[in-house]
Amino acid sequence: MILDFEPGDKVLNPNNKDWGIGQVQSIIKEKVTVNFQNVGKKVINCNNIELKKVNDKN
């Protein structure tokens, strides 16, 4: 599995939009650690949850 994320990327969890925008902290295999605005750090298994990248370039 190839993930299209790198540390510093902004992402959303479409299953929990109330978590707010998160910033990718680290990626180890299929596990992505994300620091979300409203809930803090979460480890997301990308085999179970598909994170969506947020485009900062407006």
PDB file of N, CA and C in Angstrom:
ATOM      1  N   MET A   1       0.844  -1.191   0.000  1.00  0.00           N
ATOM      2  CA  MET A   1       0.000   0.000   0.000  1.00  0.00           C
ATOM      3  C   MET A   1       0.884   1.248   0.000  1.00  0.00           C
ATOM      4  N   ILE A   2       0.580   2.164  -0.892  1.00  0.00           N
ATOM      5  CA  ILE A   2       1.331   3.415  -0.965  1.00  0.00           C
ATOM      6  C   ILE A   2       0.409   4.544  -0.511  1.00  0.00           C
ATOM      7  N   LEU A   3       0.825   5.247   0.530  1.00  0.00           N
ATOM      8  CA  LEU A   3       0.042   6.374   1.021  1.00  0.00           C
ATOM      9  C   LEU A   3       0.594   7.666   0.441  1.00  0.00           C
ATOM     10  N   ASP A   4      -0.300   8.539   0.048  1.00  0.00           N
ATOM     11  CA  ASP A   4       0.092   9.803  -0.572  1.00  0.00           C
ATOM     12  C   ASP A   4       0.141  10.921   0.467  1.00  0.00           C
ATOM     13  N   PHE A   5       0.744  10.632   1.605  1.00  0.00           N
ATOM     14  CA  PHE A   5       0.875  11.618   2.678  1.00  0.00           C
ATOM     15  C   PHE A   5       2.331  11.735   3.078  1.00  0.00           C
ATOM     16  N   GLU A   6       2.667  12.903   3.604  1.00  0.00           N
ATOM     17  CA  GLU A   6       3.971  13.089   4.229  1.00  0.00           C
ATOM     18  C   GLU A   6       3.785  14.009   5.429  1.00  0.00           C
ATOM     19  N   PRO A   7       4.699  13.956   6.391  1.00  0.00           N
ATOM     20  CA  PRO A   7       4.555  14.814   7.575  1.00  0.00           C
ATOM     21  C   PRO A   7       4.354  16.276   7.180  1.00  0.00           C
ATOM     22  N   GLY A   8       3.386  16.900   7.848  1.00  0.00           N
ATOM     23  CA  GLY A   8       3.060  18.295   7.564  1.00  0.00           C
ATOM     24  C   GLY A   8       1.806  18.456   6.719  1.00  0.00           C
ATOM     25  N   ASP A   9       1.411  17.394   6.001  1.00  0.00           N
ATOM     26  CA  ASP A   9       0.192  17.469   5.193  1.00  0.00           C
ATOM     27  C   ASP A   9      -1.021  17.663   6.092  1.00  0.00           C
ATOM     28  N   LYS A  10      -2.011  18.399   5.585  1.00  0.00           N
ATOM     29  CA  LYS A  10      -3.278  18.606   6.296  1.00  0.00           C
ATOM     30  C   LYS A  10      -4.293  17.597   5.759  1.00  0.00           C
ATOM     31  N   VAL A  11      -5.034  16.974   6.678  1.00  0.00           N
ATOM     32  CA  VAL A  11      -5.995  15.936   6.302  1.00  0.00           C
ATOM     33  C   VAL A  11      -7.289  16.068   7.102  1.00  0.00           C
ATOM     34  N   LEU A  12      -8.333  15.419   6.592  1.00  0.00           N
ATOM     35  CA  LEU A  12      -9.612  15.282   7.288  1.00  0.00           C
ATOM     36  C   LEU A  12      -9.939  13.806   7.399  1.00  0.00           C
ATOM     37  N   ASN A  13     -10.612  13.431   8.472  1.00  0.00           N
ATOM     38  CA  ASN A  13     -11.164  12.087   8.593  1.00  0.00           C
ATOM     39  C   ASN A  13     -12.638  12.204   8.213  1.00  0.00           C
ATOM     40  N   PRO A  14     -13.030  11.724   7.019  1.00  0.00           N
ATOM     41  CA  PRO A  14     -14.415  11.894   6.581  1.00  0.00           C
ATOM     42  C   PRO A  14     -15.433  11.213   7.494  1.00  0.00           C
ATOM     43  N   ASN A  15     -15.001  10.223   8.272  1.00  0.00           N
ATOM     44  CA  ASN A  15     -15.908   9.546   9.198  1.00  0.00           C
ATOM     45  C   ASN A  15     -16.132  10.353  10.477  1.00  0.00           C
ATOM     46  N   ASN A  16     -15.229  11.292  10.774  1.00  0.00           N
ATOM     47  CA  ASN A  16     -15.307  12.112  11.994  1.00  0.00           C
ATOM     48  C   ASN A  16     -14.930  13.550  11.661  1.00  0.00           C
ATOM     49  N   LYS A  17     -15.749  14.208  10.871  1.00  0.00           N
ATOM     50  CA  LYS A  17     -15.430  15.582  10.433  1.00  0.00           C
ATOM     51  C   LYS A  17     -15.348  16.557  11.601  1.00  0.00           C
ATOM     52  N   ASP A  18     -16.038  16.234  12.720  1.00  0.00           N
ATOM     53  CA  ASP A  18     -16.004  17.125  13.883  1.00  0.00           C
ATOM     54  C   ASP A  18     -14.640  17.136  14.569  1.00  0.00           C
ATOM     55  N   TRP A  19     -13.736  16.212  14.175  1.00  0.00           N
ATOM     56  CA  TRP A  19     -12.373  16.238  14.710  1.00  0.00           C
ATOM     57  C   TRP A  19     -11.619  17.463  14.201  1.00  0.00           C
ATOM     58  N   GLY A  20     -12.077  18.045  13.106  1.00  0.00           N
ATOM     59  CA  GLY A  20     -11.405  19.194  12.506  1.00  0.00           C
ATOM     60  C   GLY A  20     -10.279  18.763  11.580  1.00  0.00           C
ATOM     61  N   ILE A  21      -9.541  19.736  11.118  1.00  0.00           N
ATOM     62  CA  ILE A  21      -8.405  19.469  10.232  1.00  0.00           C
ATOM     63  C   ILE A  21      -7.246  18.956  11.073  1.00  0.00           C
ATOM     64  N   GLY A  22      -6.560  17.956  10.548  1.00  0.00           N
ATOM     65  CA  GLY A  22      -5.410  17.392  11.240  1.00  0.00           C
ATOM     66  C   GLY A  22      -4.145  17.565  10.435  1.00  0.00           C
ATOM     67  N   GLN A  23      -3.022  17.546  11.130  1.00  0.00           N
ATOM     68  CA  GLN A  23      -1.716  17.619  10.472  1.00  0.00           C
ATOM     69  C   GLN A  23      -0.998  16.301  10.699  1.00  0.00           C
ATOM     70  N   VAL A  24      -0.540  15.712   9.581  1.00  0.00           N
ATOM     71  CA  VAL A  24       0.170  14.439   9.648  1.00  0.00           C
ATOM     72  C   VAL A  24       1.475  14.639  10.408  1.00  0.00           C
ATOM     73  N   GLN A  25       1.710  13.788  11.420  1.00  0.00           N
ATOM     74  CA  GLN A  25       2.928  13.846  12.221  1.00  0.00           C
ATOM     75  C   GLN A  25       3.942  12.805  11.758  1.00  0.00           C
ATOM     76  N   SER A  26       3.456  11.569  11.521  1.00  0.00           N
ATOM     77  CA  SER A  26       4.356  10.500  11.088  1.00  0.00           C
ATOM     78  C   SER A  26       3.564   9.425  10.362  1.00  0.00           C
ATOM     79  N   ILE A  27       4.277   8.628   9.571  1.00  0.00           N
ATOM     80  CA  ILE A  27       3.691   7.521   8.827  1.00  0.00           C
ATOM     81  C   ILE A  27       4.598   6.310   9.006  1.00  0.00           C
ATOM     82  N   ILE A  28       4.041   5.234   9.535  1.00  0.00           N
ATOM     83  CA  ILE A  28       4.780   3.980   9.689  1.00  0.00           C
ATOM     84  C   ILE A  28       3.905   2.881   9.112  1.00  0.00           C
ATOM     85  N   LYS A  29       4.328   2.345   7.974  1.00  0.00           N
ATOM     86  CA  LYS A  29       3.541   1.362   7.217  1.00  0.00           C
ATOM     87  C   LYS A  29       2.172   1.942   6.942  1.00  0.00           C
ATOM     88  N   GLU A  30       1.086   1.280   7.380  1.00  0.00           N
ATOM     89  CA  GLU A  30      -0.259   1.781   7.089  1.00  0.00           C
ATOM     90  C   GLU A  30      -0.816   2.671   8.198  1.00  0.00           C
ATOM     91  N   LYS A  31      -0.004   2.961   9.220  1.00  0.00           N
ATOM     92  CA  LYS A  31      -0.471   3.766  10.348  1.00  0.00           C
ATOM     93  C   LYS A  31       0.026   5.200  10.242  1.00  0.00           C
ATOM     94  N   VAL A  32      -0.925   6.127  10.278  1.00  0.00           N
ATOM     95  CA  VAL A  32      -0.619   7.552  10.159  1.00  0.00           C
ATOM     96  C   VAL A  32      -0.990   8.223  11.477  1.00  0.00           C
ATOM     97  N   THR A  33      -0.037   8.907  12.096  1.00  0.00           N
ATOM     98  CA  THR A  33      -0.320   9.678  13.306  1.00  0.00           C
ATOM     99  C   THR A  33      -0.673  11.097  12.881  1.00  0.00           C
ATOM    100  N   VAL A  34      -1.847  11.550  13.331  1.00  0.00           N
ATOM    101  CA  VAL A  34      -2.368  12.854  12.929  1.00  0.00           C
ATOM    102  C   VAL A  34      -2.735  13.637  14.180  1.00  0.00           C
ATOM    103  N   ASN A  35      -2.357  14.908  14.213  1.00  0.00           N
ATOM    104  CA  ASN A  35      -2.741  15.801  15.305  1.00  0.00           C
ATOM    105  C   ASN A  35      -3.932  16.625  14.830  1.00  0.00           C
ATOM    106  N   PHE A  36      -5.138  16.278  15.326  1.00  0.00           N
ATOM    107  CA  PHE A  36      -6.365  16.950  14.914  1.00  0.00           C
ATOM    108  C   PHE A  36      -6.647  18.163  15.799  1.00  0.00           C
ATOM    109  N   GLN A  37      -7.296  19.190  15.208  1.00  0.00           N
ATOM    110  CA  GLN A  37      -7.609  20.437  15.918  1.00  0.00           C
ATOM    111  C   GLN A  37      -8.422  20.206  17.179  1.00  0.00           C
ATOM    112  N   ASN A  38      -9.448  19.367  17.102  1.00  0.00           N
ATOM    113  CA  ASN A  38     -10.419  19.270  18.189  1.00  0.00           C
ATOM    114  C   ASN A  38     -10.239  18.075  19.117  1.00  0.00           C
ATOM    115  N   VAL A  39      -9.424  17.079  18.729  1.00  0.00           N
ATOM    116  CA  VAL A  39      -9.292  15.875  19.561  1.00  0.00           C
ATOM    117  C   VAL A  39      -7.851  15.479  19.836  1.00  0.00           C
ATOM    118  N   GLY A  40      -6.899  16.230  19.317  1.00  0.00           N
ATOM    119  CA  GLY A  40      -5.493  15.902  19.561  1.00  0.00           C
ATOM    120  C   GLY A  40      -4.987  14.792  18.661  1.00  0.00           C
ATOM    121  N   LYS A  41      -3.965  14.088  19.140  1.00  0.00           N
ATOM    122  CA  LYS A  41      -3.298  13.066  18.318  1.00  0.00           C
ATOM    123  C   LYS A  41      -4.102  11.776  18.248  1.00  0.00           C
ATOM    124  N   LYS A  42      -4.197  11.258  17.036  1.00  0.00           N
ATOM    125  CA  LYS A  42      -4.852   9.977  16.781  1.00  0.00           C
ATOM    126  C   LYS A  42      -3.970   9.186  15.830  1.00  0.00           C
ATOM    127  N   VAL A  43      -3.921   7.872  16.036  1.00  0.00           N
ATOM    128  CA  VAL A  43      -3.230   6.977  15.111  1.00  0.00           C
ATOM    129  C   VAL A  43      -4.305   6.330  14.245  1.00  0.00           C
ATOM    130  N   ILE A  44      -4.212   6.559  12.954  1.00  0.00           N
ATOM    131  CA  ILE A  44      -5.211   6.091  12.002  1.00  0.00           C
ATOM    132  C   ILE A  44      -4.630   4.943  11.187  1.00  0.00           C
ATOM    133  N   ASN A  45      -5.347   3.824  11.151  1.00  0.00           N
ATOM    134  CA  ASN A  45      -4.959   2.707  10.293  1.00  0.00           C
ATOM    135  C   ASN A  45      -5.627   2.934   8.939  1.00  0.00           C
ATOM    136  N   CYS A  46      -4.818   3.233   7.925  1.00  0.00           N
ATOM    137  CA  CYS A  46      -5.352   3.577   6.611  1.00  0.00           C
ATOM    138  C   CYS A  46      -5.906   2.373   5.860  1.00  0.00           C
ATOM    139  N   ASN A  47      -5.793   1.173   6.436  1.00  0.00           N
ATOM    140  CA  ASN A  47      -6.495   0.026   5.871  1.00  0.00           C
ATOM    141  C   ASN A  47      -7.979   0.087   6.231  1.00  0.00           C
ATOM    142  N   ASN A  48      -8.310   0.810   7.309  1.00  0.00           N
ATOM    143  CA  ASN A  48      -9.692   0.884   7.791  1.00  0.00           C
ATOM    144  C   ASN A  48     -10.352   2.229   7.525  1.00  0.00           C
ATOM    145  N   ILE A  49      -9.571   3.304   7.528  1.00  0.00           N
ATOM    146  CA  ILE A  49     -10.107   4.654   7.356  1.00  0.00           C
ATOM    147  C   ILE A  49      -9.303   5.358   6.272  1.00  0.00           C
ATOM    148  N   GLU A  50     -10.006   5.934   5.304  1.00  0.00           N
ATOM    149  CA  GLU A  50      -9.315   6.659   4.229  1.00  0.00           C
ATOM    150  C   GLU A  50      -9.329   8.150   4.548  1.00  0.00           C
ATOM    151  N   LEU A  51      -8.171   8.682   4.894  1.00  0.00           N
ATOM    152  CA  LEU A  51      -8.040  10.110   5.158  1.00  0.00           C
ATOM    153  C   LEU A  51      -8.086  10.878   3.841  1.00  0.00           C
ATOM    154  N   LYS A  52      -8.621  12.079   3.891  1.00  0.00           N
ATOM    155  CA  LYS A  52      -8.679  12.945   2.706  1.00  0.00           C
ATOM    156  C   LYS A  52      -7.718  14.115   2.896  1.00  0.00           C
ATOM    157  N   LYS A  53      -6.871  14.337   1.914  1.00  0.00           N
ATOM    158  CA  LYS A  53      -5.921  15.441   1.976  1.00  0.00           C
ATOM    159  C   LYS A  53      -6.654  16.761   1.760  1.00  0.00           C
ATOM    160  N   VAL A  54      -6.302  17.780   2.549  1.00  0.00           N
ATOM    161  CA  VAL A  54      -6.882  19.110   2.441  1.00  0.00           C
ATOM    162  C   VAL A  54      -5.936  19.964   1.613  1.00  0.00           C
ATOM    163  N   ASN A  55      -6.486  20.656   0.645  1.00  0.00           N
ATOM    164  CA  ASN A  55      -5.665  21.518  -0.213  1.00  0.00           C
ATOM    165  C   ASN A  55      -5.583  22.903   0.425  1.00  0.00           C
ATOM    166  N   ASP A  56      -4.378  23.280   0.864  1.00  0.00           N
ATOM    167  CA  ASP A  56      -4.166  24.586   1.505  1.00  0.00           C
ATOM    168  C   ASP A  56      -4.070  25.726   0.503  1.00  0.00           C
ATOM    169  N   LYS A  57      -3.895  25.411  -0.749  1.00  0.00           N
ATOM    170  CA  LYS A  57      -3.606  26.448  -1.752  1.00  0.00           C
ATOM    171  C   LYS A  57      -4.901  27.051  -2.286  1.00  0.00           C
ATOM    172  N   ASN A  58      -5.429  28.041  -1.561  1.00  0.00           N
ATOM    173  CA  ASN A  58      -6.663  28.708  -1.991  1.00  0.00           C
ATOM    174  C   ASN A  58      -6.358  30.061  -2.589  1.00  0.00           C
TER     175      ASN A  58
END
